[in-house]
Amino acid sequence: MSGLLFIVAAPSGAGKTTLVRQLLATGIGLALSISYTTRAPRPGEENGREYHFTDVAHFRAMIEADDFLEWAKVHDHYYGTSKRWIETERAAGRDVLLEIDWQGAQQVRRLFPDAIGIFILPPSLEVLTQRLQGRGTDSPEVIARRLAAAREEMSHVGEFGYVIINDDLQTALTDFVFIVRASRLRLETQRLRHPALFARLT
C-alpha cells in the first residue's frame, strides 16, 4: 500500500518551517523529505537535518541523472527533492511530507495527482514583512525581493486543496494536525489500509 503524500508550500516568512517542525514533534507519524539546496546554511542549520547542502555543479549533475522528483530555482538558489527516497518511503506505506514551493508542487502533482496540497498564508503583508525583518539574517534588499516573490507565490494558493492562515501558531498547528488526520480517515485510504476489516464488515 502506498503512503499518503502531503505537499506544503508557503511564501517565505509565513511560518512553514516552524509549523512543520512542531507538527512532526506531535508524533503524528510523517516522514519528512529533506531537500537538496545550493544555498548556504543559515546559523544553526546542519547538513542532512534542514537540508542536504550541495554546490551548483553537483546539483546540476543530479538533474542530468534524473535524481529529483521535483526541483526549482528560488531566490537565486536551487532546491530539489530526492525521487528515490520518496518512492521508497511511500512503497513501505509511510506517509511523506514535502516542504516545497509552488513550482515544485506543480511538478509533484503531475507525477502524483493524489498528493494532498496544503498552503500556509500569513494574516497580512504587514505581518509577513515584520517576520522577515525579525529574522535579522537578510539585508533590506533581500527582504524586498522576498516580499515581491511572496505576492507571486500567494497567487498560486488556488492550486492547493487546504489553506492554513498562520495568525496564531497554536491554532495553525491544530489545523495542520486536523488536515493530516482527516486525510487518513478518507474512505479510500481506510479501505487500502484495512482491507481485511472492510472485507469482513462490508
C-alpha atoms as a PDB file:
ATOM      1  CA  MET A   1       0.000   0.000   0.000  1.00  0.00           C
ATOM      2  CA  SER A   2       1.305   3.416  -0.947  1.00  0.00           C
ATOM      3  CA  GLY A   3       1.659   6.003   1.809  1.00  0.00           C
ATOM      4  CA  LEU A   4      -0.015   9.397   1.542  1.00  0.00           C
ATOM      5  CA  LEU A   5       1.940  12.292   0.089  1.00  0.00           C
ATOM      6  CA  PHE A   6       1.470  15.748   1.636  1.00  0.00           C
ATOM      7  CA  ILE A   7       2.935  18.810  -0.083  1.00  0.00           C
ATOM      8  CA  VAL A   8       3.234  22.021   1.948  1.00  0.00           C
ATOM      9  CA  ALA A   9       4.056  25.399   0.425  1.00  0.00           C
ATOM     10  CA  ALA A  10       4.116  28.987   1.647  1.00  0.00           C
ATOM     11  CA  PRO A  11       5.777  32.322   0.939  1.00  0.00           C
ATOM     12  CA  SER A  12       8.997  32.992   2.805  1.00  0.00           C
ATOM     13  CA  GLY A  13       8.181  34.206   6.326  1.00  0.00           C
ATOM     14  CA  ALA A  14       4.729  32.598   6.584  1.00  0.00           C
ATOM     15  CA  GLY A  15       5.954  30.186   9.259  1.00  0.00           C
ATOM     16  CA  LYS A  16       6.047  26.967   7.237  1.00  0.00           C
ATOM     17  CA  THR A  17       9.269  25.623   8.714  1.00  0.00           C
ATOM     18  CA  THR A  18       8.150  26.287  12.298  1.00  0.00           C
ATOM     19  CA  LEU A  19       4.756  24.668  11.703  1.00  0.00           C
ATOM     20  CA  VAL A  20       6.275  21.597  10.073  1.00  0.00           C
ATOM     21  CA  ARG A  21       8.779  21.186  12.902  1.00  0.00           C
ATOM     22  CA  GLN A  22       6.022  21.417  15.520  1.00  0.00           C
ATOM     23  CA  LEU A  23       3.764  19.061  13.546  1.00  0.00           C
ATOM     24  CA  LEU A  24       6.482  16.400  13.473  1.00  0.00           C
ATOM     25  CA  ALA A  25       7.085  16.910  17.211  1.00  0.00           C
ATOM     26  CA  THR A  26       3.490  15.808  17.912  1.00  0.00           C
ATOM     27  CA  GLY A  27       4.460  12.271  16.869  1.00  0.00           C
ATOM     28  CA  ILE A  28       1.896  12.238  14.077  1.00  0.00           C
ATOM     29  CA  GLY A  29       3.973   9.770  12.101  1.00  0.00           C
ATOM     30  CA  LEU A  30       5.085  11.595   8.971  1.00  0.00           C
ATOM     31  CA  ALA A  31       8.387  11.069   7.166  1.00  0.00           C
ATOM     32  CA  LEU A  32       9.840  14.477   6.273  1.00  0.00           C
ATOM     33  CA  SER A  33      11.659  14.717   2.981  1.00  0.00           C
ATOM     34  CA  ILE A  34      14.986  16.528   3.338  1.00  0.00           C
ATOM     35  CA  SER A  35      15.522  18.611   0.214  1.00  0.00           C
ATOM     36  CA  TYR A  36      18.784  19.343  -1.548  1.00  0.00           C
ATOM     37  CA  THR A  37      19.769  23.002  -1.915  1.00  0.00           C
ATOM     38  CA  THR A  38      22.641  25.106  -3.216  1.00  0.00           C
ATOM     39  CA  ARG A  39      22.104  27.932  -0.722  1.00  0.00           C
ATOM     40  CA  ALA A  40      24.490  28.322   2.203  1.00  0.00           C
ATOM     41  CA  PRO A  41      23.396  27.039   5.633  1.00  0.00           C
ATOM     42  CA  ARG A  42      21.852  29.615   7.939  1.00  0.00           C
ATOM     43  CA  PRO A  43      23.094  29.884  11.542  1.00  0.00           C
ATOM     44  CA  GLY A  44      22.127  26.731  13.455  1.00  0.00           C
ATOM     45  CA  GLU A  45      21.333  24.646  10.370  1.00  0.00           C
ATOM     46  CA  GLU A  46      23.037  21.283   9.870  1.00  0.00           C
ATOM     47  CA  ASN A  47      23.693  19.315   6.710  1.00  0.00           C
ATOM     48  CA  GLY A  48      21.230  16.428   6.488  1.00  0.00           C
ATOM     49  CA  ARG A  49      18.843  17.912   9.041  1.00  0.00           C
ATOM     50  CA  GLU A  50      17.310  21.039   7.484  1.00  0.00           C
ATOM     51  CA  TYR A  51      18.722  20.387   4.000  1.00  0.00           C
ATOM     52  CA  HIS A  52      21.311  18.407   2.119  1.00  0.00           C
ATOM     53  CA  PHE A  53      23.604  21.320   1.247  1.00  0.00           C
ATOM     54  CA  THR A  54      25.486  20.970  -2.035  1.00  0.00           C
ATOM     55  CA  ASP A  55      27.073  23.084  -4.774  1.00  0.00           C
ATOM     56  CA  VAL A  56      25.599  24.078  -8.131  1.00  0.00           C
ATOM     57  CA  ALA A  57      27.766  21.662 -10.138  1.00  0.00           C
ATOM     58  CA  HIS A  58      26.671  18.651  -8.076  1.00  0.00           C
ATOM     59  CA  PHE A  59      23.036  19.758  -8.150  1.00  0.00           C
ATOM     60  CA  ARG A  60      23.090  20.076 -11.943  1.00  0.00           C
ATOM     61  CA  ALA A  61      24.676  16.629 -12.195  1.00  0.00           C
ATOM     62  CA  MET A  62      21.756  15.242 -10.151  1.00  0.00           C
ATOM     63  CA  ILE A  63      19.310  16.940 -12.538  1.00  0.00           C
ATOM     64  CA  GLU A  64      21.055  15.279 -15.507  1.00  0.00           C
ATOM     65  CA  ALA A  65      20.863  11.907 -13.725  1.00  0.00           C
ATOM     66  CA  ASP A  66      17.098  12.366 -13.187  1.00  0.00           C
ATOM     67  CA  ASP A  67      17.580  12.063  -9.407  1.00  0.00           C
ATOM     68  CA  PHE A  68      14.902  14.610  -8.494  1.00  0.00           C
ATOM     69  CA  LEU A  69      11.169  14.183  -8.098  1.00  0.00           C
ATOM     70  CA  GLU A  70      10.982  17.956  -8.460  1.00  0.00           C
ATOM     71  CA  TRP A  71      13.411  20.830  -8.482  1.00  0.00           C
ATOM     72  CA  ALA A  72      13.249  24.598  -8.837  1.00  0.00           C
ATOM     73  CA  LYS A  73      15.360  27.726  -8.691  1.00  0.00           C
ATOM     74  CA  VAL A  74      14.100  30.040  -5.941  1.00  0.00           C
ATOM     75  CA  HIS A  75      15.747  33.304  -4.812  1.00  0.00           C
ATOM     76  CA  ASP A  76      18.839  32.504  -6.927  1.00  0.00           C
ATOM     77  CA  HIS A  77      19.297  29.053  -5.353  1.00  0.00           C
ATOM     78  CA  TYR A  78      18.356  25.543  -6.441  1.00  0.00           C
ATOM     79  CA  TYR A  79      16.100  23.245  -4.377  1.00  0.00           C
ATOM     80  CA  GLY A  80      15.211  19.635  -5.166  1.00  0.00           C
ATOM     81  CA  THR A  81      13.546  16.515  -3.732  1.00  0.00           C
ATOM     82  CA  SER A  82      15.050  13.030  -3.994  1.00  0.00           C
ATOM     83  CA  LYS A  83      12.834  10.845  -6.187  1.00  0.00           C
ATOM     84  CA  ARG A  84      14.215   7.528  -4.907  1.00  0.00           C
ATOM     85  CA  TRP A  85      13.689   8.406  -1.240  1.00  0.00           C
ATOM     86  CA  ILE A  86      10.050   9.412  -1.814  1.00  0.00           C
ATOM     87  CA  GLU A  87       9.293   6.256  -3.774  1.00  0.00           C
ATOM     88  CA  THR A  88      10.912   4.029  -1.140  1.00  0.00           C
ATOM     89  CA  GLU A  89       9.061   5.631   1.767  1.00  0.00           C
ATOM     90  CA  ARG A  90       5.650   5.531   0.065  1.00  0.00           C
ATOM     91  CA  ALA A  91       6.138   1.946  -1.115  1.00  0.00           C
ATOM     92  CA  ALA A  92       6.743   0.989   2.526  1.00  0.00           C
ATOM     93  CA  GLY A  93       3.369   2.511   3.425  1.00  0.00           C
ATOM     94  CA  ARG A  94       4.798   5.545   5.210  1.00  0.00           C
ATOM     95  CA  ASP A  95       3.115   8.942   4.830  1.00  0.00           C
ATOM     96  CA  VAL A  96       5.517  11.542   3.457  1.00  0.00           C
ATOM     97  CA  LEU A  97       5.613  15.323   3.913  1.00  0.00           C
ATOM     98  CA  LEU A  98       7.290  17.604   1.373  1.00  0.00           C
ATOM     99  CA  GLU A  99       8.170  21.231   2.119  1.00  0.00           C
ATOM    100  CA  ILE A 100       8.358  22.781  -1.339  1.00  0.00           C
ATOM    101  CA  ASP A 101       7.473  25.903  -3.287  1.00  0.00           C
ATOM    102  CA  TRP A 102       4.534  26.235  -5.704  1.00  0.00           C
ATOM    103  CA  GLN A 103       6.722  25.388  -8.703  1.00  0.00           C
ATOM    104  CA  GLY A 104       7.792  22.129  -7.098  1.00  0.00           C
ATOM    105  CA  ALA A 105       4.210  21.395  -6.094  1.00  0.00           C
ATOM    106  CA  GLN A 106       3.125  21.624  -9.723  1.00  0.00           C
ATOM    107  CA  GLN A 107       5.810  19.141 -10.752  1.00  0.00           C
ATOM    108  CA  VAL A 108       4.858  16.715  -7.965  1.00  0.00           C
ATOM    109  CA  ARG A 109       1.152  16.877  -8.866  1.00  0.00           C
ATOM    110  CA  ARG A 110       1.887  15.900 -12.447  1.00  0.00           C
ATOM    111  CA  LEU A 111       3.533  12.689 -11.200  1.00  0.00           C
ATOM    112  CA  PHE A 112       1.276  12.117  -8.168  1.00  0.00           C
ATOM    113  CA  PRO A 113      -2.213  13.567  -8.743  1.00  0.00           C
ATOM    114  CA  ASP A 114      -3.294  12.135  -5.368  1.00  0.00           C
ATOM    115  CA  ALA A 115      -0.859  14.403  -3.466  1.00  0.00           C
ATOM    116  CA  ILE A 116      -2.567  16.419  -0.724  1.00  0.00           C
ATOM    117  CA  GLY A 117      -1.717  20.121  -1.073  1.00  0.00           C
ATOM    118  CA  ILE A 118      -1.545  22.486   1.913  1.00  0.00           C
ATOM    119  CA  PHE A 119      -0.719  26.197   1.539  1.00  0.00           C
ATOM    120  CA  ILE A 120       0.211  28.393   4.514  1.00  0.00           C
ATOM    121  CA  LEU A 121      -0.707  32.075   4.328  1.00  0.00           C
ATOM    122  CA  PRO A 122       0.326  34.950   6.617  1.00  0.00           C
ATOM    123  CA  PRO A 123      -2.539  37.007   8.091  1.00  0.00           C
ATOM    124  CA  SER A 124      -1.356  40.093   6.162  1.00  0.00           C
ATOM    125  CA  LEU A 125       1.534  41.516   4.146  1.00  0.00           C
ATOM    126  CA  GLU A 126       2.396  43.753   7.108  1.00  0.00           C
ATOM    127  CA  VAL A 127       2.861  40.751   9.383  1.00  0.00           C
ATOM    128  CA  LEU A 128       4.866  38.968   6.688  1.00  0.00           C
ATOM    129  CA  THR A 129       7.181  41.981   6.421  1.00  0.00           C
ATOM    130  CA  GLN A 130       7.652  42.086  10.195  1.00  0.00           C
ATOM    131  CA  ARG A 131       8.516  38.381  10.308  1.00  0.00           C
ATOM    132  CA  LEU A 132      11.112  38.704   7.548  1.00  0.00           C
ATOM    133  CA  GLN A 133      12.684  41.733   9.205  1.00  0.00           C
ATOM    134  CA  GLY A 134      12.637  39.990  12.586  1.00  0.00           C
ATOM    135  CA  ARG A 135      14.867  37.191  11.342  1.00  0.00           C
ATOM    136  CA  GLY A 136      17.822  39.558  11.259  1.00  0.00           C
ATOM    137  CA  THR A 137      19.512  37.389   8.615  1.00  0.00           C
ATOM    138  CA  ASP A 138      18.657  39.235   5.397  1.00  0.00           C
ATOM    139  CA  SER A 139      19.510  42.671   4.037  1.00  0.00           C
ATOM    140  CA  PRO A 140      16.715  45.172   3.186  1.00  0.00           C
ATOM    141  CA  GLU A 141      17.293  44.418  -0.497  1.00  0.00           C
ATOM    142  CA  VAL A 142      16.844  40.675   0.049  1.00  0.00           C
ATOM    143  CA  ILE A 143      13.705  41.276   2.123  1.00  0.00           C
ATOM    144  CA  ALA A 144      12.267  43.453  -0.648  1.00  0.00           C
ATOM    145  CA  ARG A 145      12.897  40.660  -3.176  1.00  0.00           C
ATOM    146  CA  ARG A 146      11.299  38.103  -0.874  1.00  0.00           C
ATOM    147  CA  LEU A 147       8.198  40.256  -0.459  1.00  0.00           C
ATOM    148  CA  ALA A 148       7.882  40.667  -4.221  1.00  0.00           C
ATOM    149  CA  ALA A 149       8.262  36.902  -4.640  1.00  0.00           C
ATOM    150  CA  ALA A 150       5.682  36.310  -1.883  1.00  0.00           C
ATOM    151  CA  ARG A 151       2.994  38.056  -3.926  1.00  0.00           C
ATOM    152  CA  GLU A 152       3.710  35.746  -6.849  1.00  0.00           C
ATOM    153  CA  GLU A 153       3.776  32.673  -4.597  1.00  0.00           C
ATOM    154  CA  MET A 154       0.494  33.552  -2.893  1.00  0.00           C
ATOM    155  CA  SER A 155      -1.222  33.949  -6.256  1.00  0.00           C
ATOM    156  CA  HIS A 156      -0.955  30.148  -6.593  1.00  0.00           C
ATOM    157  CA  VAL A 157      -2.914  29.386  -3.417  1.00  0.00           C
ATOM    158  CA  GLY A 158      -5.848  28.214  -5.548  1.00  0.00           C
ATOM    159  CA  GLU A 159      -3.808  25.191  -6.653  1.00  0.00           C
ATOM    160  CA  PHE A 160      -3.889  23.707  -3.142  1.00  0.00           C
ATOM    161  CA  GLY A 161      -6.711  21.766  -1.517  1.00  0.00           C
ATOM    162  CA  TYR A 162      -6.179  23.137   2.007  1.00  0.00           C
ATOM    163  CA  VAL A 163      -5.190  26.581   3.310  1.00  0.00           C
ATOM    164  CA  ILE A 164      -3.914  27.424   6.796  1.00  0.00           C
ATOM    165  CA  ILE A 165      -3.809  31.103   7.821  1.00  0.00           C
ATOM    166  CA  ASN A 166      -0.932  31.343  10.272  1.00  0.00           C
ATOM    167  CA  ASP A 167      -2.117  34.154  12.525  1.00  0.00           C
ATOM    168  CA  ASP A 168      -1.878  32.234  15.815  1.00  0.00           C
ATOM    169  CA  LEU A 169       0.759  29.476  15.819  1.00  0.00           C
ATOM    170  CA  GLN A 170      -1.130  27.055  18.072  1.00  0.00           C
ATOM    171  CA  THR A 171      -4.342  27.397  16.070  1.00  0.00           C
ATOM    172  CA  ALA A 172      -2.435  26.882  12.822  1.00  0.00           C
ATOM    173  CA  LEU A 173      -0.756  23.780  14.253  1.00  0.00           C
ATOM    174  CA  THR A 174      -4.124  22.361  15.333  1.00  0.00           C
ATOM    175  CA  ASP A 175      -5.457  22.940  11.813  1.00  0.00           C
ATOM    176  CA  PHE A 176      -2.388  21.200  10.374  1.00  0.00           C
ATOM    177  CA  VAL A 177      -2.943  18.135  12.569  1.00  0.00           C
ATOM    178  CA  PHE A 178      -6.631  18.009  11.599  1.00  0.00           C
ATOM    179  CA  ILE A 179      -5.768  18.017   7.876  1.00  0.00           C
ATOM    180  CA  VAL A 180      -3.391  15.065   8.264  1.00  0.00           C
ATOM    181  CA  ARG A 181      -5.824  13.082  10.397  1.00  0.00           C
ATOM    182  CA  ALA A 182      -8.806  13.799   8.143  1.00  0.00           C
ATOM    183  CA  SER A 183      -6.816  12.727   5.076  1.00  0.00           C
ATOM    184  CA  ARG A 184      -6.007   9.399   6.734  1.00  0.00           C
ATOM    185  CA  LEU A 185      -9.704   8.865   7.506  1.00  0.00           C
ATOM    186  CA  ARG A 186     -10.897   9.205   3.921  1.00  0.00           C
ATOM    187  CA  LEU A 187     -12.810   6.164   2.724  1.00  0.00           C
ATOM    188  CA  GLU A 188     -10.343   5.201   0.008  1.00  0.00           C
ATOM    189  CA  THR A 189      -7.411   5.459   2.424  1.00  0.00           C
ATOM    190  CA  GLN A 190      -9.123   3.379   5.101  1.00  0.00           C
ATOM    191  CA  ARG A 191     -10.078   0.701   2.553  1.00  0.00           C
ATOM    192  CA  LEU A 192      -6.458   0.404   1.442  1.00  0.00           C
ATOM    193  CA  ARG A 193      -5.066   0.313   4.964  1.00  0.00           C
ATOM    194  CA  HIS A 194      -7.630  -2.090   6.436  1.00  0.00           C
ATOM    195  CA  PRO A 195      -8.698  -4.386   3.587  1.00  0.00           C
ATOM    196  CA  ALA A 196      -9.368  -7.404   5.820  1.00  0.00           C
ATOM    197  CA  LEU A 197     -11.605  -5.389   8.139  1.00  0.00           C
ATOM    198  CA  PHE A 198     -13.614  -3.968   5.255  1.00  0.00           C
ATOM    199  CA  ALA A 199     -13.939  -7.439   3.732  1.00  0.00           C
ATOM    200  CA  ARG A 200     -15.396  -8.776   6.979  1.00  0.00           C
ATOM    201  CA  LEU A 201     -17.685  -5.871   7.785  1.00  0.00           C
ATOM    202  CA  THR A 202     -18.969  -4.614   4.436  1.00  0.00           C
END
